[in-house]
C-alpha atoms as a PDB file:
ATOM      1  CA  MET A   1       0.000   0.000   0.000  1.00  0.00           C
ATOM      2  CA  ASN A   2       1.432   3.387  -0.953  1.00  0.00           C
ATOM      3  CA  LEU A   3       1.631   6.370   1.362  1.00  0.00           C
ATOM      4  CA  MET A   4      -1.342   8.220  -0.116  1.00  0.00           C
ATOM      5  CA  ASP A   5      -3.572   5.165   0.378  1.00  0.00           C
ATOM      6  CA  LYS A   6      -2.469   4.900   4.018  1.00  0.00           C
ATOM      7  CA  ILE A   7      -3.177   8.590   4.522  1.00  0.00           C
ATOM      8  CA  SER A   8      -6.628   8.205   2.986  1.00  0.00           C
ATOM      9  CA  GLU A   9      -7.526   5.238   5.220  1.00  0.00           C
ATOM     10  CA  ALA A  10      -6.343   6.947   8.407  1.00  0.00           C
ATOM     11  CA  THR A  11      -8.076  10.210   7.492  1.00  0.00           C
ATOM     12  CA  GLU A  12     -11.324   8.406   6.727  1.00  0.00           C
ATOM     13  CA  PHE A  13     -11.223   6.705  10.137  1.00  0.00           C
ATOM     14  CA  ILE A  14     -10.678  10.047  11.884  1.00  0.00           C
ATOM     15  CA  ARG A  15     -13.420  11.704   9.822  1.00  0.00           C
ATOM     16  CA  ASN A  16     -15.828   9.085  11.138  1.00  0.00           C
ATOM     17  CA  LYS A  17     -14.944  10.231  14.671  1.00  0.00           C
ATOM     18  CA  THR A  18     -14.996  13.997  14.147  1.00  0.00           C
ATOM     19  CA  LYS A  19     -16.047  16.524  11.545  1.00  0.00           C
ATOM     20  CA  SER A  20     -13.597  19.098  12.882  1.00  0.00           C
ATOM     21  CA  GLU A  21     -11.390  20.874  10.321  1.00  0.00           C
ATOM     22  CA  PRO A  22      -8.840  22.615  12.568  1.00  0.00           C
ATOM     23  CA  PRO A  23      -6.533  25.183  10.936  1.00  0.00           C
ATOM     24  CA  ILE A  24      -3.953  24.799  13.725  1.00  0.00           C
ATOM     25  CA  GLY A  25      -2.014  21.651  14.600  1.00  0.00           C
ATOM     26  CA  ILE A  26       0.189  21.243  17.676  1.00  0.00           C
ATOM     27  CA  ILE A  27       2.852  18.591  18.375  1.00  0.00           C
ATOM     28  CA  LEU A  28       3.629  18.271  22.084  1.00  0.00           C
ATOM     29  CA  GLY A  29       7.043  16.843  22.887  1.00  0.00           C
ATOM     30  CA  THR A  30       8.776  15.334  25.910  1.00  0.00           C
ATOM     31  CA  GLY A  31       7.243  16.501  29.180  1.00  0.00           C
ATOM     32  CA  LEU A  32       4.921  18.935  27.407  1.00  0.00           C
ATOM     33  CA  GLY A  33       1.798  16.826  27.002  1.00  0.00           C
ATOM     34  CA  ARG A  34      -0.241  18.663  29.602  1.00  0.00           C
ATOM     35  CA  LEU A  35      -0.967  21.508  27.210  1.00  0.00           C
ATOM     36  CA  GLY A  36      -3.506  18.991  25.949  1.00  0.00           C
ATOM     37  CA  GLU A  37      -5.399  19.439  29.219  1.00  0.00           C
ATOM     38  CA  ARG A  38      -5.863  23.111  28.386  1.00  0.00           C
ATOM     39  CA  ILE A  39      -7.784  22.232  25.227  1.00  0.00           C
ATOM     40  CA  GLU A  40     -11.590  22.155  25.452  1.00  0.00           C
ATOM     41  CA  LYS A  41     -11.928  18.663  24.099  1.00  0.00           C
ATOM     42  CA  GLU A  42     -14.450  17.627  21.482  1.00  0.00           C
ATOM     43  CA  THR A  43     -12.910  14.312  20.393  1.00  0.00           C
ATOM     44  CA  VAL A  44      -9.959  12.298  21.725  1.00  0.00           C
ATOM     45  CA  ILE A  45      -8.558   9.344  19.763  1.00  0.00           C
ATOM     46  CA  ASP A  46      -5.830   6.998  21.003  1.00  0.00           C
ATOM     47  CA  TYR A  47      -3.076   6.505  18.440  1.00  0.00           C
ATOM     48  CA  GLN A  48      -3.442   2.750  18.607  1.00  0.00           C
ATOM     49  CA  GLN A  49      -6.980   3.051  17.233  1.00  0.00           C
ATOM     50  CA  ILE A  50      -5.891   4.806  14.040  1.00  0.00           C
ATOM     51  CA  ARG A  51      -4.916   2.619  11.103  1.00  0.00           C
ATOM     52  CA  HIS A  52      -1.228   2.960  10.086  1.00  0.00           C
ATOM     53  CA  PHE A  53      -0.508   5.276  13.048  1.00  0.00           C
ATOM     54  CA  PRO A  54       2.585   4.480  15.133  1.00  0.00           C
ATOM     55  CA  VAL A  55       2.343   4.239  18.934  1.00  0.00           C
ATOM     56  CA  SER A  56       4.339   6.399  21.361  1.00  0.00           C
ATOM     57  CA  THR A  57       6.843   4.371  23.395  1.00  0.00           C
ATOM     58  CA  VAL A  58       8.618   7.160  25.300  1.00  0.00           C
ATOM     59  CA  GLU A  59       7.830   8.236  28.876  1.00  0.00           C
ATOM     60  CA  GLY A  60       6.073  11.591  28.859  1.00  0.00           C
ATOM     61  CA  HIS A  61       4.179  10.912  25.598  1.00  0.00           C
ATOM     62  CA  ALA A  62       0.517  10.026  26.214  1.00  0.00           C
ATOM     63  CA  GLY A  63      -0.232   8.899  22.657  1.00  0.00           C
ATOM     64  CA  ARG A  64      -3.527  10.678  21.941  1.00  0.00           C
ATOM     65  CA  LEU A  65      -4.900  12.859  19.162  1.00  0.00           C
ATOM     66  CA  ILE A  66      -6.976  15.669  20.664  1.00  0.00           C
ATOM     67  CA  PHE A  67      -9.551  17.728  18.755  1.00  0.00           C
ATOM     68  CA  GLY A  68     -11.047  20.757  20.445  1.00  0.00           C
ATOM     69  CA  ARG A  69     -10.723  24.462  21.066  1.00  0.00           C
ATOM     70  CA  LEU A  70      -7.802  26.395  22.473  1.00  0.00           C
ATOM     71  CA  SER A  71      -8.196  30.120  23.112  1.00  0.00           C
ATOM     72  CA  GLY A  72     -11.373  30.041  21.067  1.00  0.00           C
ATOM     73  CA  LYS A  73      -9.780  28.454  17.986  1.00  0.00           C
ATOM     74  CA  SER A  74     -10.206  24.964  16.570  1.00  0.00           C
ATOM     75  CA  VAL A  75      -7.045  22.870  16.996  1.00  0.00           C
ATOM     76  CA  VAL A  76      -5.777  19.315  16.762  1.00  0.00           C
ATOM     77  CA  ALA A  77      -2.955  18.317  19.100  1.00  0.00           C
ATOM     78  CA  MET A  78      -0.660  15.321  19.177  1.00  0.00           C
ATOM     79  CA  GLN A  79      -0.163  14.483  22.836  1.00  0.00           C
ATOM     80  CA  GLY A  80       3.059  12.631  22.185  1.00  0.00           C
ATOM     81  CA  ARG A  81       5.176  12.238  19.053  1.00  0.00           C
ATOM     82  CA  PHE A  82       7.307   9.593  17.352  1.00  0.00           C
ATOM     83  CA  HIS A  83      11.082   9.471  17.034  1.00  0.00           C
ATOM     84  CA  PHE A  84      13.513   7.894  14.605  1.00  0.00           C
ATOM     85  CA  TYR A  85      15.351   6.286  17.553  1.00  0.00           C
ATOM     86  CA  GLU A  86      12.234   4.323  18.511  1.00  0.00           C
ATOM     87  CA  GLY A  87      12.782   2.236  15.396  1.00  0.00           C
ATOM     88  CA  TYR A  88      10.194   3.979  13.245  1.00  0.00           C
ATOM     89  CA  ASN A  89      11.136   5.003   9.734  1.00  0.00           C
ATOM     90  CA  MET A  90      10.797   8.589   8.553  1.00  0.00           C
ATOM     91  CA  GLU A  91       7.470   7.920   6.840  1.00  0.00           C
ATOM     92  CA  GLN A  92       6.035   6.698  10.136  1.00  0.00           C
ATOM     93  CA  VAL A  93       7.567   9.536  12.176  1.00  0.00           C
ATOM     94  CA  THR A  94       5.972  12.152   9.912  1.00  0.00           C
ATOM     95  CA  PHE A  95       2.730  10.315   9.103  1.00  0.00           C
ATOM     96  CA  PRO A  96       0.624  12.363  11.589  1.00  0.00           C
ATOM     97  CA  VAL A  97       1.709  15.606   9.896  1.00  0.00           C
ATOM     98  CA  ARG A  98       0.424  14.216   6.606  1.00  0.00           C
ATOM     99  CA  ILE A  99      -2.882  13.471   8.314  1.00  0.00           C
ATOM    100  CA  MET A 100      -3.071  16.959   9.826  1.00  0.00           C
ATOM    101  CA  LYS A 101      -2.804  18.468   6.355  1.00  0.00           C
ATOM    102  CA  GLN A 102      -5.702  16.338   5.132  1.00  0.00           C
ATOM    103  CA  LEU A 103      -7.758  17.470   8.128  1.00  0.00           C
ATOM    104  CA  GLY A 104      -7.295  21.135   7.216  1.00  0.00           C
ATOM    105  CA  VAL A 105      -4.254  22.234   9.261  1.00  0.00           C
ATOM    106  CA  LYS A 106      -2.485  25.286   7.826  1.00  0.00           C
ATOM    107  CA  VAL A 107      -0.209  26.198  10.755  1.00  0.00           C
ATOM    108  CA  LEU A 108       1.869  23.658  12.688  1.00  0.00           C
ATOM    109  CA  ILE A 109       3.208  24.458  16.162  1.00  0.00           C
ATOM    110  CA  VAL A 110       6.030  22.110  17.169  1.00  0.00           C
ATOM    111  CA  CYS A 111       7.267  21.908  20.768  1.00  0.00           C
ATOM    112  CA  ASN A 112      10.220  19.925  22.072  1.00  0.00           C
ATOM    113  CA  ALA A 113      12.699  19.479  24.889  1.00  0.00           C
ATOM    114  CA  ALA A 114      16.286  20.227  23.877  1.00  0.00           C
ATOM    115  CA  GLY A 115      19.803  20.486  25.183  1.00  0.00           C
ATOM    116  CA  GLY A 116      21.227  23.992  25.232  1.00  0.00           C
ATOM    117  CA  MET A 117      24.649  24.639  23.671  1.00  0.00           C
ATOM    118  CA  ASN A 118      24.563  28.421  23.557  1.00  0.00           C
ATOM    119  CA  PRO A 119      26.185  29.649  26.787  1.00  0.00           C
ATOM    120  CA  GLN A 120      23.712  32.546  26.894  1.00  0.00           C
ATOM    121  CA  PHE A 121      20.851  30.081  27.416  1.00  0.00           C
ATOM    122  CA  ARG A 122      19.662  28.770  30.765  1.00  0.00           C
ATOM    123  CA  VAL A 123      17.950  25.536  31.796  1.00  0.00           C
ATOM    124  CA  GLY A 124      14.193  26.010  31.936  1.00  0.00           C
ATOM    125  CA  GLU A 125      13.856  28.816  29.412  1.00  0.00           C
ATOM    126  CA  MET A 126      12.166  28.737  26.030  1.00  0.00           C
ATOM    127  CA  VAL A 127      13.861  29.150  22.663  1.00  0.00           C
ATOM    128  CA  LEU A 128      12.073  30.115  19.448  1.00  0.00           C
ATOM    129  CA  ILE A 129      13.498  28.058  16.613  1.00  0.00           C
ATOM    130  CA  THR A 130      14.577  30.285  13.721  1.00  0.00           C
ATOM    131  CA  ASP A 131      16.214  27.578  11.593  1.00  0.00           C
ATOM    132  CA  HIS A 132      17.384  23.985  11.775  1.00  0.00           C
ATOM    133  CA  ILE A 133      20.170  21.597  10.803  1.00  0.00           C
ATOM    134  CA  ASN A 134      19.224  18.054   9.820  1.00  0.00           C
ATOM    135  CA  PHE A 135      21.963  15.829  11.283  1.00  0.00           C
ATOM    136  CA  GLN A 136      19.921  12.635  11.410  1.00  0.00           C
ATOM    137  CA  GLY A 137      21.318  11.168   8.190  1.00  0.00           C
ATOM    138  CA  GLN A 138      17.783  10.669   6.848  1.00  0.00           C
ATOM    139  CA  ASN A 139      15.136  12.751   5.108  1.00  0.00           C
ATOM    140  CA  PRO A 140      11.385  11.977   5.106  1.00  0.00           C
ATOM    141  CA  LEU A 141      11.094  13.063   1.456  1.00  0.00           C
ATOM    142  CA  ILE A 142      13.485  10.413   0.102  1.00  0.00           C
ATOM    143  CA  GLY A 143      11.696   8.102  -2.324  1.00  0.00           C
ATOM    144  CA  PRO A 144       8.992   8.631  -4.960  1.00  0.00           C
ATOM    145  CA  ASN A 145       7.305  12.022  -4.716  1.00  0.00           C
ATOM    146  CA  ASP A 146       3.528  12.346  -4.934  1.00  0.00           C
ATOM    147  CA  GLU A 147       2.765  15.783  -6.366  1.00  0.00           C
ATOM    148  CA  ARG A 148      -0.592  15.735  -4.545  1.00  0.00           C
ATOM    149  CA  MET A 149       1.363  16.184  -1.301  1.00  0.00           C
ATOM    150  CA  GLY A 150       3.991  18.653  -2.449  1.00  0.00           C
ATOM    151  CA  PRO A 151       6.785  19.371  -4.948  1.00  0.00           C
ATOM    152  CA  ARG A 152       9.775  17.122  -5.602  1.00  0.00           C
ATOM    153  CA  PHE A 153      12.213  19.821  -4.450  1.00  0.00           C
ATOM    154  CA  PRO A 154      10.500  21.923  -1.765  1.00  0.00           C
ATOM    155  CA  ASP A 155      12.134  25.192  -0.744  1.00  0.00           C
ATOM    156  CA  MET A 156      13.035  25.547   2.932  1.00  0.00           C
ATOM    157  CA  TYR A 157      13.059  29.354   2.784  1.00  0.00           C
ATOM    158  CA  ASN A 158      11.269  30.843   5.809  1.00  0.00           C
ATOM    159  CA  CYS A 159      11.087  27.312   7.206  1.00  0.00           C
ATOM    160  CA  TYR A 160      10.143  28.655  10.635  1.00  0.00           C
ATOM    161  CA  ASP A 161       7.757  31.439   9.739  1.00  0.00           C
ATOM    162  CA  LYS A 162       9.295  34.805  10.616  1.00  0.00           C
ATOM    163  CA  ASP A 163       5.938  36.433  11.352  1.00  0.00           C
ATOM    164  CA  LEU A 164       5.000  33.623  13.747  1.00  0.00           C
ATOM    165  CA  VAL A 165       8.399  33.853  15.467  1.00  0.00           C
ATOM    166  CA  ASP A 166       7.890  37.605  15.933  1.00  0.00           C
ATOM    167  CA  LEU A 167       4.361  37.013  17.242  1.00  0.00           C
ATOM    168  CA  ALA A 168       5.565  34.398  19.743  1.00  0.00           C
ATOM    169  CA  GLU A 169       8.402  36.646  20.915  1.00  0.00           C
ATOM    170  CA  ARG A 170       6.069  39.606  21.479  1.00  0.00           C
ATOM    171  CA  THR A 171       3.631  37.328  23.287  1.00  0.00           C
ATOM    172  CA  ALA A 172       6.296  35.934  25.606  1.00  0.00           C
ATOM    173  CA  LEU A 173       7.541  39.417  26.433  1.00  0.00           C
ATOM    174  CA  ASP A 174       3.985  40.620  27.090  1.00  0.00           C
ATOM    175  CA  LEU A 175       3.625  37.737  29.544  1.00  0.00           C
ATOM    176  CA  GLY A 176       6.908  38.680  31.215  1.00  0.00           C
ATOM    177  CA  TYR A 177       8.877  35.626  30.052  1.00  0.00           C
ATOM    178  CA  ARG A 178      12.502  35.644  28.976  1.00  0.00           C
ATOM    179  CA  ILE A 179      12.690  33.965  25.572  1.00  0.00           C
ATOM    180  CA  MET A 180      15.571  33.431  23.173  1.00  0.00           C
ATOM    181  CA  ARG A 181      15.973  32.657  19.471  1.00  0.00           C
ATOM    182  CA  GLY A 182      18.165  29.895  18.120  1.00  0.00           C
ATOM    183  CA  VAL A 183      19.029  27.212  15.598  1.00  0.00           C
ATOM    184  CA  TYR A 184      17.918  23.637  16.373  1.00  0.00           C
ATOM    185  CA  VAL A 185      19.977  20.647  15.260  1.00  0.00           C
ATOM    186  CA  ALA A 186      18.363  17.207  15.091  1.00  0.00           C
ATOM    187  CA  VAL A 187      20.427  14.104  15.862  1.00  0.00           C
ATOM    188  CA  THR A 188      19.264  10.509  15.985  1.00  0.00           C
ATOM    189  CA  GLY A 189      19.815   9.727  19.669  1.00  0.00           C
ATOM    190  CA  PRO A 190      18.825   7.997  21.860  1.00  0.00           C
ATOM    191  CA  ASN A 191      22.071   8.655  23.730  1.00  0.00           C
ATOM    192  CA  LEU A 192      22.886  12.187  24.763  1.00  0.00           C
ATOM    193  CA  GLU A 193      25.898  13.789  23.128  1.00  0.00           C
ATOM    194  CA  THR A 194      29.551  13.556  24.108  1.00  0.00           C
ATOM    195  CA  GLY A 195      31.506  16.690  24.904  1.00  0.00           C
ATOM    196  CA  ALA A 196      33.226  16.494  21.519  1.00  0.00           C
ATOM    197  CA  GLU A 197      29.869  16.177  19.773  1.00  0.00           C
ATOM    198  CA  TYR A 198      28.453  19.195  21.607  1.00  0.00           C
ATOM    199  CA  ARG A 199      31.521  21.183  20.574  1.00  0.00           C
ATOM    200  CA  MET A 200      31.137  20.096  16.938  1.00  0.00           C
ATOM    201  CA  LEU A 201      27.406  20.907  16.816  1.00  0.00           C
ATOM    202  CA  ARG A 202      27.963  24.299  18.402  1.00  0.00           C
ATOM    203  CA  THR A 203      30.731  25.037  15.890  1.00  0.00           C
ATOM    204  CA  MET A 204      28.274  24.137  13.099  1.00  0.00           C
ATOM    205  CA  GLY A 205      26.040  26.964  14.261  1.00  0.00           C
ATOM    206  CA  ALA A 206      23.468  25.175  16.428  1.00  0.00           C
ATOM    207  CA  ASP A 207      22.137  26.622  19.679  1.00  0.00           C
ATOM    208  CA  VAL A 208      19.999  23.690  20.850  1.00  0.00           C
ATOM    209  CA  VAL A 209      20.072  19.970  20.081  1.00  0.00           C
ATOM    210  CA  GLY A 210      17.302  17.359  20.119  1.00  0.00           C
ATOM    211  CA  MET A 211      16.089  14.113  18.584  1.00  0.00           C
ATOM    212  CA  SER A 212      12.880  15.208  16.852  1.00  0.00           C
ATOM    213  CA  THR A 213      11.095  18.110  15.130  1.00  0.00           C
ATOM    214  CA  VAL A 214      13.129  18.406  11.918  1.00  0.00           C
ATOM    215  CA  PRO A 215      11.455  15.497  10.056  1.00  0.00           C
ATOM    216  CA  GLU A 216       7.984  16.820  10.918  1.00  0.00           C
ATOM    217  CA  VAL A 217       8.937  20.338   9.875  1.00  0.00           C
ATOM    218  CA  ILE A 218      10.355  19.170   6.530  1.00  0.00           C
ATOM    219  CA  VAL A 219       7.091  17.376   5.770  1.00  0.00           C
ATOM    220  CA  ALA A 220       5.017  20.327   6.948  1.00  0.00           C
ATOM    221  CA  ARG A 221       6.901  22.644   4.595  1.00  0.00           C
ATOM    222  CA  HIS A 222       6.625  20.081   1.790  1.00  0.00           C
ATOM    223  CA  GLN A 223       2.864  20.438   2.191  1.00  0.00           C
ATOM    224  CA  GLY A 224       2.915  24.240   2.338  1.00  0.00           C
ATOM    225  CA  MET A 225       2.152  24.538   6.055  1.00  0.00           C
ATOM    226  CA  LYS A 226       3.518  27.412   8.140  1.00  0.00           C
ATOM    227  CA  VAL A 227       5.598  26.362  11.151  1.00  0.00           C
ATOM    228  CA  LEU A 228       6.305  27.758  14.614  1.00  0.00           C
ATOM    229  CA  GLY A 229       8.882  25.832  16.635  1.00  0.00           C
ATOM    230  CA  VAL A 230       9.604  26.211  20.354  1.00  0.00           C
ATOM    231  CA  SER A 231      12.178  24.365  22.478  1.00  0.00           C
ATOM    232  CA  ILE A 232      12.473  24.150  26.242  1.00  0.00           C
ATOM    233  CA  VAL A 233      16.105  23.994  27.338  1.00  0.00           C
ATOM    234  CA  THR A 234      16.145  21.020  29.704  1.00  0.00           C
ATOM    235  CA  ASP A 235      19.904  20.615  30.148  1.00  0.00           C
ATOM    236  CA  MET A 236      23.120  22.339  29.095  1.00  0.00           C
ATOM    237  CA  GLY A 237      25.599  20.767  26.706  1.00  0.00           C
ATOM    238  CA  LEU A 238      28.601  23.015  27.256  1.00  0.00           C
ATOM    239  CA  ALA A 239      31.544  20.914  26.109  1.00  0.00           C
ATOM    240  CA  ASP A 240      33.961  22.207  28.736  1.00  0.00           C
ATOM    241  CA  ASN A 241      31.469  22.222  31.602  1.00  0.00           C
ATOM    242  CA  LEU A 242      29.435  19.026  31.294  1.00  0.00           C
ATOM    243  CA  HIS A 243      27.528  17.417  34.136  1.00  0.00           C
ATOM    244  CA  PRO A 244      25.738  14.055  34.375  1.00  0.00           C
ATOM    245  CA  CYS A 245      22.238  14.070  32.902  1.00  0.00           C
ATOM    246  CA  SER A 246      19.323  11.638  32.602  1.00  0.00           C
ATOM    247  CA  HIS A 247      15.875  11.401  31.029  1.00  0.00           C
ATOM    248  CA  GLU A 248      14.391  11.929  34.494  1.00  0.00           C
ATOM    249  CA  LEU A 249      16.224  15.252  34.879  1.00  0.00           C
ATOM    250  CA  ILE A 250      15.127  16.279  31.376  1.00  0.00           C
ATOM    251  CA  LEU A 251      11.493  15.478  32.204  1.00  0.00           C
ATOM    252  CA  ALA A 252      11.728  17.393  35.477  1.00  0.00           C
ATOM    253  CA  ALA A 253      13.069  20.495  33.731  1.00  0.00           C
ATOM    254  CA  ALA A 254      10.428  20.286  30.994  1.00  0.00           C
ATOM    255  CA  ASN A 255       7.651  19.856  33.546  1.00  0.00           C
ATOM    256  CA  LYS A 256       8.831  22.885  35.496  1.00  0.00           C
ATOM    257  CA  THR A 257       8.682  25.152  32.446  1.00  0.00           C
ATOM    258  CA  GLU A 258       5.547  23.578  30.975  1.00  0.00           C
ATOM    259  CA  PRO A 259       3.104  26.049  32.599  1.00  0.00           C
ATOM    260  CA  LEU A 260       4.946  28.947  30.938  1.00  0.00           C
ATOM    261  CA  MET A 261       4.986  27.160  27.586  1.00  0.00           C
ATOM    262  CA  THR A 262       1.287  26.337  27.915  1.00  0.00           C
ATOM    263  CA  GLU A 263       0.398  29.942  28.686  1.00  0.00           C
ATOM    264  CA  MET A 264       2.482  31.286  25.822  1.00  0.00           C
ATOM    265  CA  ILE A 265       1.204  28.830  23.195  1.00  0.00           C
ATOM    266  CA  ALA A 266      -2.386  29.459  24.259  1.00  0.00           C
ATOM    267  CA  LYS A 267      -1.876  33.221  23.891  1.00  0.00           C
ATOM    268  CA  VAL A 268      -0.111  32.837  20.540  1.00  0.00           C
ATOM    269  CA  VAL A 269      -3.017  30.751  19.241  1.00  0.00           C
ATOM    270  CA  GLU A 270      -5.433  33.424  20.450  1.00  0.00           C
ATOM    271  CA  ARG A 271      -3.524  36.100  18.523  1.00  0.00           C
ATOM    272  CA  MET A 272      -3.093  34.090  15.323  1.00  0.00           C
ATOM    273  CA  THR A 273      -5.011  34.928  12.189  1.00  0.00           C
ATOM    274  CA  VAL A 274      -5.665  31.709  10.266  1.00  0.00           C
END
């Protein structure tokens, strides 16, 4: 079965559960799933119910598709995402973004937890992604291209929409939050980086590093969707000042900042014109 057929089957199943056509899609990353509780729910579907959908295997990812209203606007949110390191291929990792497009999503908000490499950053603060580096050795667009989804050679200009970045920055400042801008680099994981790797990635021009986001953003842009990306700095990867880290510490840092992220995203959605 080709990708378009899988998309059609999954979309048809979802359409039988909800008639919602949300213009805004949200992907909630590690430790950030509770933004889903802020949504006035209309329909909630477990991933395992949806044909061809992967299942979240990482702690902190609930594995539900939520349809409802956030700040008065219709949204669909992924409460939990999929990663290349879980053993899924790039088609599976990005499959939900394909579905979102079919459901009417025009703007994709992507949240993640990331390691900070810019010494000006601090653990617990938010970073607006202005650009990315794909260091995963894979691309979700490799293989036959279906022109119904997007062009063979999509342009990545304005990959993270400048107007949305400006809107999010103004919103954070209005709420009294310190927020930074930076370049996100995606690696495969699941191990955290060595000191030498942090130094290399920083030299390449990256400010934060994570194991997600870039594949979904590439597919979103392939489909003509606008993207806003936000990272929470959960640990610092300063090559000459490293300290032990664990997934538990990353979750704790993400959970601590989550209320600020939730408030900001909700306000950004309220101010969006879609």
